[in-house]
Protein backbone atom coordinates (compact mmCIF):
# COMPACT_ATOMS: atom_id res chain seq x y z
CA MET A 1 9.79 -44.08 1.85
CA LYS A 2 10.63 -42.76 5.35
CA THR A 3 14.44 -43.56 4.68
CA TYR A 4 14.06 -41.60 1.38
CA PHE A 5 12.44 -38.82 2.75
CA TYR A 6 15.09 -38.60 5.86
CA LEU A 7 17.67 -38.33 3.45
CA GLN A 8 16.25 -35.66 1.10
CA CYS A 9 15.55 -33.76 4.46
CA LYS A 10 19.35 -34.17 5.39
CA ARG A 11 20.24 -33.35 2.03
CA VAL A 12 18.33 -30.11 2.13
CA LEU A 13 19.18 -29.02 5.41
CA ARG A 14 22.86 -29.57 5.12
CA PHE A 15 22.46 -26.60 2.45
CA LEU A 16 20.42 -24.39 4.74
CA PRO A 17 22.83 -22.36 6.33
CA PHE A 18 24.18 -21.21 3.32
CA VAL A 19 20.59 -20.65 2.09
CA ALA A 20 19.82 -18.85 5.31
CA ALA A 21 22.66 -16.15 4.72
CA ILE A 22 21.53 -15.54 1.37
CA SER A 23 18.02 -15.01 2.54
CA VAL A 24 18.76 -12.80 5.13
CA THR A 25 20.79 -10.77 2.76
CA LEU A 26 17.74 -10.42 0.19
CA PHE A 27 15.34 -9.65 2.90
CA LEU A 28 17.76 -6.61 4.02
CA GLY A 29 17.85 -5.54 0.63
CA LEU A 30 14.27 -5.47 -0.22
CA ALA A 31 13.60 -4.07 2.95
CA ILE A 32 15.89 -1.06 2.40
CA ILE A 33 14.14 -0.83 -0.92
CA LEU A 34 10.68 -0.90 0.85
CA ASN A 35 11.78 1.62 3.04
CA ASN A 36 12.85 4.28 0.25
CA ALA A 37 9.69 3.42 -1.61
CA ILE A 38 7.71 4.27 1.58
CA PHE A 39 9.63 7.32 2.42
CA LEU A 40 9.14 8.87 -1.16
CA ASP A 41 5.35 8.07 -0.75
CA SER A 42 5.14 9.57 2.58
CA THR A 43 6.88 12.69 1.47
CA SER A 44 5.25 13.59 -1.86
CA GLU A 45 3.34 16.42 -2.47
CA GLU A 46 -0.20 15.16 -1.96
CA LYS A 47 0.70 13.88 1.53
CA GLN A 48 1.90 17.34 2.56
CA LEU A 49 0.03 20.03 4.16
CA PHE A 50 -0.72 23.07 1.96
CA LYS A 51 1.11 26.24 2.96
CA ILE A 52 -1.01 29.38 1.88
CA GLY A 53 -0.14 32.87 3.16
CA ILE A 54 -2.41 35.18 4.28
CA VAL A 55 -1.83 39.08 3.72
CA GLY A 56 -3.89 41.51 5.76
CA ASN A 57 -3.93 44.01 8.51
CA PRO A 58 -2.22 42.31 11.57
CA GLU A 59 -3.90 44.67 14.01
CA ASP A 60 -7.09 43.57 12.56
CA THR A 61 -9.23 41.90 15.50
CA TYR A 62 -11.64 39.77 13.32
CA LEU A 63 -9.18 38.67 10.91
CA ASN A 64 -7.02 37.10 13.79
CA LEU A 65 -9.94 35.68 15.48
CA GLY A 66 -11.03 34.23 12.10
CA MET A 67 -7.19 32.88 11.64
CA ALA A 68 -7.39 31.57 15.29
CA ALA A 69 -10.71 29.71 14.65
CA VAL A 70 -9.88 28.13 11.55
CA GLU A 71 -6.11 26.55 12.96
CA THR A 72 -8.17 25.72 16.38
CA PHE A 73 -11.66 24.29 15.19
CA ASP A 74 -11.71 23.71 11.37
CA SER A 75 -10.89 20.44 9.85
CA SER A 76 -8.95 22.05 7.06
CA ARG A 77 -6.17 22.28 9.72
CA PHE A 78 -5.22 19.10 8.88
CA THR A 79 -4.67 19.76 5.18
CA ILE A 80 -3.86 23.85 4.97
CA LYS A 81 -1.40 25.75 7.04
CA PHE A 82 -2.37 29.42 7.13
CA GLU A 83 0.79 31.88 7.47
CA GLN A 84 -0.07 35.66 8.28
CA LEU A 85 2.58 37.40 6.48
CA THR A 86 3.56 40.90 4.81
CA GLU A 87 3.04 41.01 1.20
CA GLU A 88 6.49 41.26 0.50
CA ASN A 89 7.51 38.24 2.60
CA ALA A 90 4.50 36.32 0.77
CA GLN A 91 6.06 37.26 -2.53
CA ASN A 92 9.75 35.98 -1.47
CA ALA A 93 8.09 32.76 0.17
CA LEU A 94 6.17 32.11 -3.08
CA ARG A 95 9.27 32.48 -5.09
CA ARG A 96 11.31 30.18 -2.79
CA GLY A 97 8.26 27.80 -2.97
CA THR A 98 7.92 27.50 0.81
CA ILE A 99 4.15 28.55 0.33
CA SER A 100 1.62 27.33 -2.51
CA ALA A 101 0.17 30.60 -2.67
CA TYR A 102 -1.09 33.71 -0.53
CA VAL A 103 -4.29 35.55 -0.25
CA VAL A 104 -4.67 39.07 -0.20
CA ILE A 105 -7.51 40.64 2.32
CA PRO A 106 -8.18 43.87 1.70
CA ASP A 107 -8.61 46.51 4.88
CA GLY A 108 -12.16 46.47 6.30
CA PHE A 109 -12.89 43.08 4.56
CA ILE A 110 -14.85 41.61 7.48
CA GLU A 111 -16.54 45.17 8.44
CA SER A 112 -17.77 45.36 4.85
CA ALA A 113 -18.87 41.52 5.13
CA MET A 114 -20.73 42.20 7.94
CA HIS A 115 -22.84 45.07 6.26
CA GLY A 116 -23.51 42.94 3.27
CA ASN A 117 -20.73 43.84 1.08
CA LEU A 118 -18.41 41.13 -0.01
CA GLN A 119 -15.09 42.73 -1.39
CA PRO A 120 -13.17 40.38 -3.80
CA LEU A 121 -9.96 38.77 -2.06
CA ASN A 122 -6.80 38.13 -4.43
CA TYR A 123 -5.44 34.66 -4.67
CA ILE A 124 -1.80 34.73 -6.00
CA THR A 125 0.17 31.69 -7.11
CA THR A 126 3.06 30.97 -9.69
CA THR A 127 2.42 30.09 -13.14
CA GLY A 128 4.37 26.88 -12.61
CA THR A 129 2.34 25.63 -9.56
CA SER A 130 1.70 21.79 -9.93
CA GLU A 131 -1.50 20.50 -11.37
CA LEU A 132 -2.60 19.28 -8.00
CA SER A 133 -2.07 22.68 -6.48
CA THR A 134 -4.25 24.24 -9.21
CA ILE A 135 -6.99 21.56 -8.56
CA PHE A 136 -6.96 22.60 -4.97
CA LYS A 137 -7.06 26.28 -5.68
CA ASP A 138 -10.02 25.97 -7.91
CA GLU A 139 -11.85 23.67 -5.29
CA LEU A 140 -11.19 25.86 -2.43
CA THR A 141 -11.98 29.27 -4.06
CA SER A 142 -15.34 27.65 -5.36
CA VAL A 143 -16.08 26.24 -2.21
CA ILE A 144 -15.57 29.42 -0.10
CA SER A 145 -17.21 31.63 -2.68
CA SER A 146 -20.34 29.23 -2.53
CA VAL A 147 -20.24 29.33 1.43
CA LEU A 148 -19.94 33.25 1.80
CA SER A 149 -22.64 33.66 -0.92
CA GLU A 150 -24.86 31.47 0.65
CA ALA A 151 -24.54 32.56 4.01
CA GLN A 152 -25.16 36.11 3.22
CA LYS A 153 -28.14 35.38 0.98
CA GLY A 154 -29.63 33.49 4.23
CA VAL A 155 -28.75 36.16 6.89
CA TYR A 156 -29.70 39.36 4.72
CA GLY A 157 -32.84 37.43 3.43
CA LEU A 158 -34.05 37.10 7.01
CA ARG A 159 -33.57 40.71 7.81
CA ASN A 160 -35.25 41.58 4.55
CA THR A 161 -38.12 39.31 5.40
CA MET A 162 -38.54 40.43 8.98
CA ARG A 163 -38.55 44.13 7.68
CA GLU A 164 -41.14 43.63 5.07
CA TYR A 165 -43.50 41.88 7.68
CA GLU A 166 -42.51 44.89 10.36
CA GLN A 167 -41.12 42.40 12.76
CA ASP A 168 -38.62 43.75 15.48
CA GLY A 169 -35.51 42.43 16.57
CA SER A 170 -34.02 41.51 13.10
CA SER A 171 -30.23 42.23 14.47
CA LYS A 172 -30.67 39.74 17.29
CA HIS A 173 -31.96 37.32 14.70
CA MET A 174 -29.48 37.80 12.43
CA ASN A 175 -26.44 37.35 14.86
CA ASP A 176 -28.00 34.00 15.92
CA PHE A 177 -28.54 33.01 12.12
CA SER A 178 -24.89 33.86 11.40
CA ILE A 179 -23.60 31.89 14.52
CA GLU A 180 -25.58 28.73 13.41
CA TYR A 181 -24.32 28.84 9.80
CA PHE A 182 -20.62 29.34 11.76
CA ASP A 183 -21.41 26.30 13.88
CA PHE A 184 -22.82 24.36 10.54
CA ILE A 185 -19.49 25.31 8.57
CA LEU A 186 -17.23 24.04 11.39
CA GLY A 187 -19.00 20.82 12.07
CA ARG A 188 -19.45 20.27 8.38
CA ASP A 189 -16.98 16.92 8.44
CA GLY A 190 -19.59 15.48 10.47
CA ILE A 191 -22.14 15.46 7.80
CA TYR A 192 -19.93 12.64 5.59
CA LYS A 193 -17.63 9.51 6.31
CA VAL A 194 -14.34 9.27 5.06
CA THR A 195 -13.35 5.42 4.09
CA GLU A 196 -9.55 5.26 2.84
CA MET A 197 -9.83 2.62 0.02
CA GLY A 198 -6.21 2.03 -0.06
CA VAL A 199 -4.42 1.34 -3.59
CA SER A 200 -5.84 -2.43 -3.89
CA ASP A 201 -7.42 -4.97 -1.60
CA ASN A 202 -8.58 -1.98 0.74
CA ILE A 203 -4.91 -1.63 1.85
CA THR A 204 -2.26 1.41 1.81
CA LEU A 205 0.55 1.52 -0.23
CA PRO A 206 3.11 0.52 2.71
CA GLN A 207 0.70 -2.55 3.32
CA HIS A 208 0.42 -3.24 -0.35
CA LEU A 209 4.14 -3.06 -0.88
CA ILE A 210 5.05 -5.25 2.09
CA CYS A 211 2.52 -7.85 0.83
CA GLY A 212 3.88 -8.02 -2.54
CA ILE A 213 7.56 -7.78 -1.89
CA SER A 214 6.86 -10.63 0.66
CA VAL A 215 5.62 -12.72 -2.31
CA LEU A 216 8.78 -11.81 -4.55
CA LEU A 217 11.01 -12.67 -1.46
CA LEU A 218 9.40 -16.14 -0.96
CA LEU A 219 10.09 -16.96 -4.56
CA LEU A 220 13.58 -15.67 -4.45
CA LEU A 221 14.43 -18.19 -1.29
CA GLY A 222 13.83 -20.91 -3.86
CA LEU A 223 16.81 -19.82 -6.24
CA PRO A 224 19.72 -21.13 -4.09
CA TYR A 225 18.19 -24.66 -4.02
CA ALA A 226 18.39 -24.97 -8.06
CA PRO A 227 21.76 -27.05 -7.63
CA ILE A 228 20.08 -29.37 -5.50
CA PHE A 229 16.76 -29.90 -7.48
CA VAL A 230 17.55 -29.05 -11.27
CA LYS A 231 18.40 -32.51 -12.53
CA LYS A 232 19.95 -33.52 -15.74
CA ASP A 233 21.01 -37.31 -14.83
CA PHE A 234 17.85 -39.24 -13.50
CA SER A 235 19.75 -42.49 -13.25
CA LEU A 236 19.05 -42.67 -9.31
CA ASN A 237 15.24 -42.04 -9.93
CA LYS A 238 15.41 -44.91 -12.38
CA LYS A 239 17.22 -47.23 -10.07
CA LEU A 240 14.53 -46.15 -7.21
CA LEU A 241 11.76 -47.12 -9.67
CA THR A 242 13.23 -50.85 -9.86
CA GLN A 243 13.06 -50.95 -6.07
CA GLY A 244 9.39 -49.98 -5.71
CA TYR A 245 9.98 -45.99 -5.07
CA LYS A 246 7.06 -44.73 -7.28
CA CYS A 247 7.42 -41.64 -9.34
CA HIS A 248 4.97 -39.94 -6.98
CA SER A 249 6.34 -40.61 -3.98
CA GLN A 250 9.79 -39.71 -5.07
CA VAL A 251 8.26 -36.29 -5.80
CA ILE A 252 6.34 -35.61 -2.76
CA CYS A 253 9.41 -36.74 -0.38
CA GLU A 254 11.72 -34.49 -2.33
CA TYR A 255 9.16 -31.86 -2.31
CA PHE A 256 8.18 -31.78 1.26
CA SER A 257 11.86 -31.69 2.21
CA TYR A 258 12.22 -28.53 0.22
CA PHE A 259 8.82 -26.95 1.92
CA ILE A 260 10.26 -27.62 5.43
CA ALA A 261 13.56 -25.77 4.70
CA ASN A 262 11.61 -22.88 3.05
CA LEU A 263 9.37 -22.95 6.13
CA LEU A 264 12.37 -22.82 8.35
CA LEU A 265 13.84 -19.87 6.44
CA VAL A 266 10.11 -17.81 6.49
CA LEU A 267 10.20 -18.48 10.47
CA LEU A 268 13.95 -17.44 10.47
CA ILE A 269 12.92 -13.93 8.51
CA LEU A 270 10.06 -13.63 10.87
CA LEU A 271 12.12 -13.64 13.93
CA VAL A 272 14.51 -11.36 12.57
CA ILE A 273 11.79 -8.80 11.91
CA TYR A 274 10.51 -9.66 15.67
CA PHE A 275 13.60 -9.30 17.47
CA SER A 276 15.16 -6.48 15.36
CA GLY A 277 12.01 -4.33 14.58
CA THR A 278 13.09 -3.72 11.11
CA PHE A 279 9.89 -2.53 10.12
CA SER A 280 9.30 -0.15 13.11
CA ASN A 281 10.74 2.71 11.67
CA GLY A 282 8.04 5.57 11.32
CA ALA A 283 9.14 5.89 7.64
CA LEU A 284 7.41 2.65 7.03
CA VAL A 285 4.42 1.40 9.11
CA GLN A 286 4.46 0.04 12.41
CA PHE A 287 4.87 -3.41 11.73
CA ALA A 288 6.92 -5.03 14.76
CA PRO A 289 4.42 -7.70 15.25
CA SER A 290 3.73 -9.31 19.22
CA PHE A 291 4.41 -12.67 19.54
CA SER A 292 0.97 -13.86 19.27
CA GLU A 293 0.88 -11.66 16.16
CA LEU A 294 3.89 -13.77 15.00
CA LEU A 295 2.23 -17.15 15.47
CA ALA A 296 -1.06 -15.65 13.37
CA ILE A 297 1.42 -14.50 10.54
CA SER A 298 3.04 -18.06 10.77
CA LEU A 299 0.07 -19.88 10.41
CA SER A 300 -1.48 -17.63 7.73
CA ILE A 301 1.35 -17.74 5.55
CA LEU A 302 1.43 -21.59 5.15
CA PRO A 303 -1.01 -21.79 1.94
CA VAL A 304 1.26 -18.93 0.23
CA VAL A 305 4.49 -21.27 1.06
CA PHE A 306 2.85 -24.05 0.01
CA VAL A 307 1.72 -22.70 -3.79
CA LEU A 308 5.07 -20.95 -4.12
CA THR A 309 7.14 -23.75 -3.32
CA SER A 310 5.03 -26.27 -5.42
CA LEU A 311 5.37 -23.47 -8.25
CA THR A 312 9.34 -23.40 -7.66
CA PHE A 313 9.42 -27.05 -7.74
CA LEU A 314 7.60 -27.54 -10.93
CA ILE A 315 10.11 -24.87 -12.48
CA PHE A 316 12.96 -26.95 -11.16
CA GLU A 317 11.57 -29.99 -12.99
CA LEU A 318 11.10 -28.26 -16.30
CA SER A 319 14.54 -27.27 -16.36
CA GLY A 320 16.90 -29.23 -18.51
CA ASN A 321 20.18 -28.19 -17.07
CA LEU A 322 21.63 -25.88 -13.87
CA VAL A 323 22.34 -22.64 -16.00
CA ASN A 324 19.05 -22.75 -18.02
CA GLY A 325 17.07 -23.86 -14.85
CA ILE A 326 18.37 -20.69 -12.87
CA LEU A 327 17.59 -18.80 -15.88
CA LEU A 328 14.25 -19.83 -16.30
CA TYR A 329 13.39 -19.41 -12.53
CA PHE A 330 14.75 -15.87 -12.26
CA PHE A 331 12.95 -14.41 -15.16
CA SER A 332 9.86 -16.28 -14.83
CA THR A 333 9.28 -15.63 -11.25
CA LEU A 334 10.23 -12.17 -11.68
CA ALA A 335 7.74 -11.57 -14.42
CA LEU A 336 5.07 -13.21 -12.58
CA CYS A 337 5.79 -10.90 -9.83
CA TYR A 338 5.94 -8.02 -11.91
CA VAL A 339 2.70 -8.55 -13.60
CA SER A 340 0.68 -9.73 -10.44
CA GLY A 341 1.33 -6.15 -8.72
CA CYS A 342 3.96 -7.13 -6.45
CA LEU A 343 6.21 -4.56 -7.29
CA TYR A 344 4.03 -1.79 -8.32
CA PRO A 345 0.33 -1.22 -7.37
CA ILE A 346 -1.89 -3.24 -9.82
CA TYR A 347 -4.02 -0.59 -10.86
CA THR A 348 -1.20 1.20 -12.82
CA PHE A 349 -1.27 -1.44 -15.35
CA PRO A 350 -4.04 -2.01 -18.10
CA GLN A 351 -7.12 -3.29 -17.50
CA ILE A 352 -6.36 -6.60 -19.20
CA ILE A 353 -3.21 -7.12 -16.82
CA GLN A 354 -5.28 -6.61 -13.94
CA ASN A 355 -7.87 -9.12 -15.15
CA ILE A 356 -5.07 -11.55 -16.12
CA SER A 357 -3.20 -10.78 -12.61
CA ALA A 358 -6.20 -11.82 -10.59
CA PHE A 359 -6.07 -15.81 -11.92
CA LEU A 360 -2.15 -16.08 -11.48
CA PRO A 361 -0.62 -17.90 -8.49
CA THR A 362 1.38 -14.58 -7.56
CA GLY A 363 -1.50 -12.27 -7.83
CA ILE A 364 -3.80 -14.62 -5.58
CA ALA A 365 -0.97 -15.18 -3.13
CA ARG A 366 -0.74 -11.40 -2.93
CA SER A 367 -4.29 -10.78 -2.50
CA TYR A 368 -4.34 -13.47 0.14
CA LEU A 369 -1.88 -11.42 2.08
CA ALA A 370 -3.44 -8.65 1.62
CA GLY A 371 -6.63 -10.16 2.67
CA PHE A 372 -4.78 -11.09 5.94
CA VAL A 373 -3.95 -7.49 6.62
CA ALA A 374 -7.27 -6.20 5.83
CA LYS A 375 -8.74 -8.92 7.92
CA ASN A 376 -11.05 -9.78 5.08
CA SER A 377 -12.03 -13.59 4.31
CA SER A 378 -12.14 -14.92 0.65
CA LEU A 379 -11.67 -18.04 -1.42
CA ASN A 380 -8.10 -17.50 -2.00
CA THR A 381 -6.93 -19.98 0.62
CA LEU A 382 -9.04 -22.59 -2.01
CA TRP A 383 -7.45 -21.24 -5.11
CA LEU A 384 -3.82 -21.46 -3.30
CA ILE A 385 -4.28 -25.07 -2.54
CA LEU A 386 -5.98 -26.00 -5.95
CA TYR A 387 -2.88 -24.59 -7.55
CA SER A 388 -0.62 -26.15 -5.36
CA ILE A 389 -1.92 -29.58 -5.90
CA ALA A 390 -2.08 -28.58 -9.83
CA PHE A 391 1.56 -27.82 -9.66
CA LEU A 392 2.51 -31.25 -8.12
CA THR A 393 0.56 -33.01 -10.27
CA VAL A 394 2.29 -31.95 -13.07
CA THR A 395 5.66 -32.32 -11.76
CA ILE A 396 4.98 -35.92 -11.21
CA LEU A 397 3.73 -36.44 -14.68
CA LEU A 398 6.99 -34.62 -15.97
CA ARG A 399 8.94 -37.05 -13.48
CA ARG A 400 7.39 -40.01 -15.03
CA HIS A 401 8.09 -38.73 -18.41
CA LYS A 402 11.75 -38.35 -17.79
CA THR A 403 12.40 -41.28 -15.86
CA MET A 404 10.41 -43.89 -17.97
CA GLY A 405 8.44 -42.14 -20.44
CA ARG A 406 5.48 -43.78 -18.74
CA CYS A 407 4.98 -45.94 -15.52
CA ASP A 408 2.54 -47.20 -13.82
CA GLY A 409 3.26 -45.64 -10.39
């Protein structure tokens, strides 16, 4: 069988330069699509800072101090950007859409609040504001109202209690209590921990798209090999049977020659990423791997290449002629990738599709890559190997049926 394996490798590798050119073209095309998808996600409304205008007396010392404190110390500076404007400028900016809303702070608001009198604030936004901005407005006003109300109750409750029991120094204690409230509000992000769950498998949308499109690309790499492995005439295979070359031996030799060719293509694409830094653009993620990371990726991707090439080989064996084989391969792999969440986040599909995709080979392959990115170990490797063995077994049975109907090899 060594001679047959060598001849199959020679046959496949002779076709490799043509397939490599197609593969690089596919890779660049998918990279452009990925870049645009991630750019749209990064520039979406929920990823932008909310710009809110503040209309108040620009000479108000307390207002300026409050604005400086919020912009410097408060964690809200990462989601909200305040701009101090006149009311006319704020109205114009709101019409142009450069700010989401503006707040009118009446003169003497801080002084009145210091004496326990909270004047109402006017929050102005447009009727066409998006749902996200409306939710933000409701949450923001609710939190501010609650914080101011409770702080006021605490500070003036302390003063009233001290006066009731005829204790001196209420002003000093009120100031100290106000500073404690202020410190607590500024440090509120320390009382909770934010964990980003990602869109699926604990990874971000860019990482999810990279894993999904990688599976799609690996499947599309097999399409140019259809003219070699889609067979209509099995006379040569029948002759090999008479000379002692069993069905399983033929399939294994042909498959591993195809596996090696695909592995070389994967290494070629990884080298293209390594040397050109295709994914180092800030619009994507920082995915320009070091050489050690390149080796780790190459080794970790072996089970994925194994299962996808065995699936490809089975589809080739199922095909009766070249045209049907290409159509069957293209539409079946595209459908599998689609329902497995390789093109869209899996949570966008109905629950029944999500449950099914977890058992599809393409879905398991995507989850395996996602687990590698998230550094989570799982049983996906075992499932990939079992699927690969099952696909090769079915391919051998089909070859037996096509060559002899049944055979003892």
